[in-house]
Amino acid sequence: MKFTKQIMLPLLAVLVLGSCGKSVNTSKTLKTPLDSFSYMLGLRTAFSYKGEGLKEIDYSSFAKGFEDGIKKDSGYDVSEKRANAAFQGYLQKLRAEGEKKAKEATTSWLADNKKKSGIEELPSKAQFKMTSRGNGPVPTLNDTVIIHFKVKDKNGKLIQNTEDMKKPLTIAVKFIPIEGLREWITRVPAGSKATLYIPGPLPGFQGGSLEEEFSVYIWEMNLLGMNPGPTVLEGKQGSAAPEPEADIDR
């Protein structure tokens, strides 16, 4: 089961942590529907804020805030305005620190990878290593390309494989939302294959943590062919139309 940042529940809704005057038992076995509901609510909230860099909270303060939220309508320890500012400020600080650390790790990884034989660097700092070079024309931004690709994380875990679609992806180069892909495609002839190393964040490929979001994505690219831009734009018979909503970034 996968949760995304679309589930943004207030931190005070983590029922599994309990309330004031009650002990917190994180080893508790789930037995009742309330147990399961409370656990899932806590799990969803944790996934939501984990992506912002949150790794711990003060349980005593949480429990007091939760209890006050349930039993009081006013008279909280901090005003709503001050609480919101402190809440957002703390998350922003965590995210900035986590983002910096994640970017530094990616920069270091790319620096080491660049030293390997055959690695070339693109203007966006993405890298690639040619597997084979084709004999076709080199696409431009206005052309439409036919491609297959596999995307993996830097540990080799498969994220997406267009070969599972049973047919290659046809898309206008200018509609490809990932700069490193556009750069490579407009530099090599049709028929080429390569492995690309593209640093995040990438549209639609954000992970559940900052480390994943700003990690390196490894693309096995196969530029099968291309259709010249004017042929596509004029809609001549036999041409492949651009697909601006192609599922390349999902």
Protein backbone atom coordinates (compact mmCIF):
# COMPACT_ATOMS: atom_id res chain seq x y z
CA MET A 1 0.00 0.00 0.00
CA LYS A 2 1.36 3.38 -0.98
CA PHE A 3 0.51 6.73 0.52
CA THR A 4 1.29 10.08 -1.07
CA LYS A 5 1.60 13.67 0.03
CA GLN A 6 -1.99 14.20 -1.06
CA ILE A 7 -2.97 12.80 2.35
CA MET A 8 -2.13 15.76 4.58
CA LEU A 9 -3.63 15.19 8.01
CA PRO A 10 -2.79 17.44 10.99
CA LEU A 11 -0.04 16.03 13.17
CA LEU A 12 -2.37 16.16 16.17
CA ALA A 13 -4.55 13.51 14.50
CA VAL A 14 -2.10 10.69 15.16
CA LEU A 15 -4.43 8.81 17.46
CA VAL A 16 -2.12 5.89 17.99
CA LEU A 17 0.12 7.96 20.23
CA GLY A 18 -2.57 8.23 22.87
CA SER A 19 -3.60 11.15 25.07
CA CYS A 20 -2.53 12.78 28.33
CA GLY A 21 -2.63 10.51 31.31
CA LYS A 22 -2.34 7.38 29.18
CA SER A 23 0.82 5.47 28.45
CA VAL A 24 2.04 5.07 24.89
CA ASN A 25 2.60 1.48 23.78
CA THR A 26 4.12 1.34 20.31
CA SER A 27 4.30 -2.47 20.55
CA LYS A 28 0.56 -2.81 20.93
CA THR A 29 -1.15 -5.57 18.92
CA LEU A 30 -4.05 -4.31 16.81
CA LYS A 31 -7.23 -6.07 17.92
CA THR A 32 -10.22 -3.78 17.51
CA PRO A 33 -11.54 -1.65 14.61
CA LEU A 34 -10.52 1.44 16.62
CA ASP A 35 -7.00 0.04 16.98
CA SER A 36 -6.72 -0.44 13.22
CA PHE A 37 -8.24 2.96 12.43
CA SER A 38 -5.90 4.71 14.87
CA TYR A 39 -2.88 2.91 13.49
CA MET A 40 -3.72 3.72 9.88
CA LEU A 41 -4.37 7.36 10.72
CA GLY A 42 -0.98 7.56 12.40
CA LEU A 43 0.70 5.77 9.50
CA ARG A 44 -0.85 8.06 6.90
CA THR A 45 0.15 11.16 8.81
CA ALA A 46 3.70 9.88 9.27
CA PHE A 47 4.04 9.26 5.53
CA SER A 48 2.73 12.76 4.82
CA TYR A 49 5.28 14.52 7.02
CA LYS A 50 8.14 12.10 6.40
CA GLY A 51 8.48 13.67 2.99
CA GLU A 52 9.10 17.02 4.65
CA GLY A 53 12.05 15.63 6.58
CA LEU A 54 10.27 14.87 9.88
CA LYS A 55 11.89 11.99 11.73
CA GLU A 56 10.78 12.53 15.35
CA ILE A 57 8.41 14.47 17.60
CA ASP A 58 8.15 15.13 21.33
CA TYR A 59 5.47 12.65 22.39
CA SER A 60 4.59 14.40 25.64
CA SER A 61 3.91 17.70 23.88
CA PHE A 62 1.98 15.89 21.19
CA ALA A 63 -0.19 14.09 23.72
CA LYS A 64 -0.95 17.35 25.56
CA GLY A 65 -1.85 19.08 22.30
CA PHE A 66 -4.08 16.21 21.25
CA GLU A 67 -5.86 16.14 24.59
CA ASP A 68 -6.41 19.92 24.52
CA GLY A 69 -7.73 19.70 20.97
CA ILE A 70 -10.29 17.09 21.98
CA LYS A 71 -11.45 18.67 25.26
CA LYS A 72 -11.07 22.43 24.75
CA ASP A 73 -12.50 25.05 22.43
CA SER A 74 -10.10 27.77 23.60
CA GLY A 75 -7.34 28.46 26.13
CA TYR A 76 -4.63 26.55 24.33
CA ASP A 77 -0.98 26.91 25.37
CA VAL A 78 -0.24 28.88 22.18
CA SER A 79 -2.44 31.01 19.96
CA GLU A 80 -3.58 29.57 16.64
CA LYS A 81 -1.58 32.18 14.72
CA ARG A 82 1.59 31.52 16.67
CA ALA A 83 1.09 27.76 16.48
CA ASN A 84 0.64 27.82 12.70
CA ALA A 85 3.74 29.97 12.24
CA ALA A 86 5.81 27.69 14.47
CA PHE A 87 4.45 24.58 12.78
CA GLN A 88 5.19 25.73 9.24
CA GLY A 89 8.52 27.27 10.23
CA TYR A 90 9.73 24.05 11.79
CA LEU A 91 8.72 21.98 8.76
CA GLN A 92 10.39 24.45 6.40
CA LYS A 93 13.60 24.27 8.46
CA LEU A 94 13.54 20.48 8.40
CA ARG A 95 12.92 20.39 4.67
CA ALA A 96 15.71 22.87 3.92
CA GLU A 97 18.18 20.84 5.98
CA GLY A 98 17.06 17.54 4.47
CA GLU A 99 17.07 18.92 0.93
CA LYS A 100 20.61 20.25 1.33
CA LYS A 101 21.84 16.91 2.65
CA ALA A 102 20.11 14.97 -0.13
CA LYS A 103 21.49 17.26 -2.84
CA GLU A 104 25.01 16.97 -1.44
CA ALA A 105 24.74 13.17 -1.52
CA THR A 106 23.55 13.25 -5.13
CA THR A 107 26.29 15.66 -6.16
CA SER A 108 28.87 13.36 -4.60
CA TRP A 109 27.37 10.31 -6.33
CA LEU A 110 27.44 12.03 -9.72
CA ALA A 111 31.02 13.21 -9.16
CA ASP A 112 32.13 9.63 -8.53
CA ASN A 113 30.10 8.34 -11.47
CA LYS A 114 31.61 10.94 -13.81
CA LYS A 115 35.05 9.41 -13.25
CA LYS A 116 33.94 6.13 -14.82
CA SER A 117 34.92 5.27 -18.37
CA GLY A 118 32.57 6.51 -21.10
CA ILE A 119 30.54 8.86 -18.92
CA GLU A 120 29.64 12.20 -20.53
CA GLU A 121 27.97 15.19 -18.88
CA LEU A 122 25.10 17.29 -20.23
CA PRO A 123 24.53 21.02 -19.53
CA SER A 124 21.88 20.18 -16.91
CA LYS A 125 24.52 18.08 -15.05
CA ALA A 126 22.75 14.89 -16.08
CA GLN A 127 25.16 12.23 -17.33
CA PHE A 128 25.01 9.52 -19.95
CA LYS A 129 26.96 6.59 -21.33
CA MET A 130 26.31 5.51 -24.90
CA THR A 131 25.46 1.87 -25.48
CA SER A 132 25.23 2.19 -29.25
CA ARG A 133 24.94 5.06 -31.74
CA GLY A 134 22.26 5.01 -34.41
CA ASN A 135 22.41 6.03 -38.07
CA GLY A 136 19.30 8.21 -38.25
CA PRO A 137 18.88 11.99 -38.09
CA VAL A 138 19.37 13.90 -34.84
CA PRO A 139 15.98 15.07 -33.48
CA THR A 140 15.22 18.71 -32.71
CA LEU A 141 12.79 20.12 -30.17
CA ASN A 142 10.10 20.36 -32.86
CA ASP A 143 10.40 16.73 -33.91
CA THR A 144 8.50 13.76 -32.58
CA VAL A 145 10.44 10.77 -31.26
CA ILE A 146 9.59 7.13 -30.71
CA ILE A 147 11.26 5.79 -27.58
CA HIS A 148 11.40 2.95 -25.13
CA PHE A 149 12.88 3.45 -21.66
CA LYS A 150 13.34 1.86 -18.28
CA VAL A 151 13.70 4.01 -15.15
CA LYS A 152 15.42 2.73 -12.01
CA ASP A 153 16.59 4.29 -8.78
CA LYS A 154 20.32 4.36 -8.08
CA ASN A 155 20.01 1.05 -6.22
CA GLY A 156 18.57 -0.66 -9.30
CA LYS A 157 14.91 -0.79 -8.24
CA LEU A 158 12.68 -0.62 -11.33
CA ILE A 159 10.28 2.34 -11.32
CA GLN A 160 8.84 2.31 -14.83
CA ASN A 161 9.29 0.29 -18.02
CA THR A 162 7.58 1.38 -21.25
CA GLU A 163 8.05 -2.09 -22.67
CA ASP A 164 5.23 -3.12 -20.34
CA MET A 165 2.97 -0.90 -22.49
CA LYS A 166 3.50 -3.30 -25.43
CA LYS A 167 4.34 -0.38 -27.72
CA PRO A 168 6.91 2.42 -27.71
CA LEU A 169 6.08 5.93 -26.57
CA THR A 170 5.63 8.59 -29.26
CA ILE A 171 6.02 12.17 -28.04
CA ALA A 172 7.12 15.58 -29.31
CA VAL A 173 10.55 16.36 -27.89
CA LYS A 174 9.42 19.79 -26.67
CA PHE A 175 6.75 18.13 -24.52
CA ILE A 176 9.21 15.93 -22.63
CA PRO A 177 9.25 17.51 -19.14
CA ILE A 178 12.69 16.25 -18.10
CA GLU A 179 15.57 18.45 -19.21
CA GLY A 180 18.21 15.73 -19.22
CA LEU A 181 16.15 13.57 -21.58
CA ARG A 182 15.57 16.45 -24.00
CA GLU A 183 19.28 17.28 -23.98
CA TRP A 184 20.33 13.74 -24.80
CA ILE A 185 17.66 13.18 -27.46
CA THR A 186 18.64 16.37 -29.32
CA ARG A 187 22.33 15.37 -29.39
CA VAL A 188 22.25 11.81 -30.72
CA PRO A 189 20.98 10.21 -33.94
CA ALA A 190 17.81 8.14 -34.03
CA GLY A 191 18.55 4.50 -33.32
CA SER A 192 20.85 5.32 -30.40
CA LYS A 193 20.81 3.66 -26.99
CA ALA A 194 22.32 4.93 -23.75
CA THR A 195 22.12 4.88 -19.98
CA LEU A 196 21.32 8.29 -18.48
CA TYR A 197 21.91 9.41 -14.90
CA ILE A 198 19.52 12.25 -14.07
CA PRO A 199 19.39 13.97 -10.66
CA GLY A 200 16.02 14.70 -9.09
CA PRO A 201 13.62 16.11 -8.43
CA LEU A 202 11.83 14.98 -11.58
CA PRO A 203 8.18 15.62 -12.50
CA GLY A 204 6.05 12.75 -11.25
CA PHE A 205 8.96 10.75 -9.82
CA GLN A 206 9.09 12.21 -6.31
CA GLY A 207 9.68 9.58 -3.68
CA GLY A 208 8.39 9.29 -0.14
CA SER A 209 11.41 11.03 1.35
CA LEU A 210 13.77 13.87 0.48
CA GLU A 211 16.56 11.36 -0.08
CA GLU A 212 14.46 9.68 -2.76
CA GLU A 213 13.11 12.91 -4.22
CA PHE A 214 16.58 14.38 -4.81
CA SER A 215 18.27 11.11 -5.66
CA VAL A 216 19.66 9.99 -9.04
CA TYR A 217 17.35 8.29 -11.51
CA ILE A 218 18.87 5.87 -14.01
CA TRP A 219 17.27 5.74 -17.44
CA GLU A 220 17.95 3.06 -20.03
CA MET A 221 17.00 4.96 -23.19
CA ASN A 222 16.28 3.49 -26.63
CA LEU A 223 15.68 6.18 -29.27
CA LEU A 224 13.91 3.97 -31.80
CA GLY A 225 13.14 6.63 -34.37
CA MET A 226 11.74 10.08 -35.13
CA ASN A 227 9.30 11.98 -37.34
CA PRO A 228 10.32 15.44 -38.55
CA GLY A 229 8.44 18.32 -36.93
CA PRO A 230 6.80 19.74 -40.09
CA THR A 231 5.39 16.32 -40.98
CA VAL A 232 3.84 16.00 -37.55
CA LEU A 233 2.60 19.59 -37.33
CA GLU A 234 1.02 19.46 -40.80
CA GLY A 235 -0.72 16.22 -39.92
CA LYS A 236 0.34 14.42 -43.10
CA GLN A 237 -0.76 10.85 -43.54
CA GLY A 238 1.49 8.34 -41.84
CA SER A 239 2.94 10.80 -39.37
CA ALA A 240 2.88 10.37 -35.62
CA ALA A 241 1.05 13.15 -33.78
CA PRO A 242 2.58 14.73 -30.66
CA GLU A 243 1.25 13.48 -27.35
CA PRO A 244 1.70 16.26 -24.78
CA GLU A 245 -0.06 14.24 -22.09
CA ALA A 246 2.04 11.13 -22.50
CA ASP A 247 2.70 9.16 -19.32
CA ILE A 248 6.44 9.80 -19.33
CA ASP A 249 6.35 11.72 -16.03
CA ARG A 250 3.94 9.65 -14.01
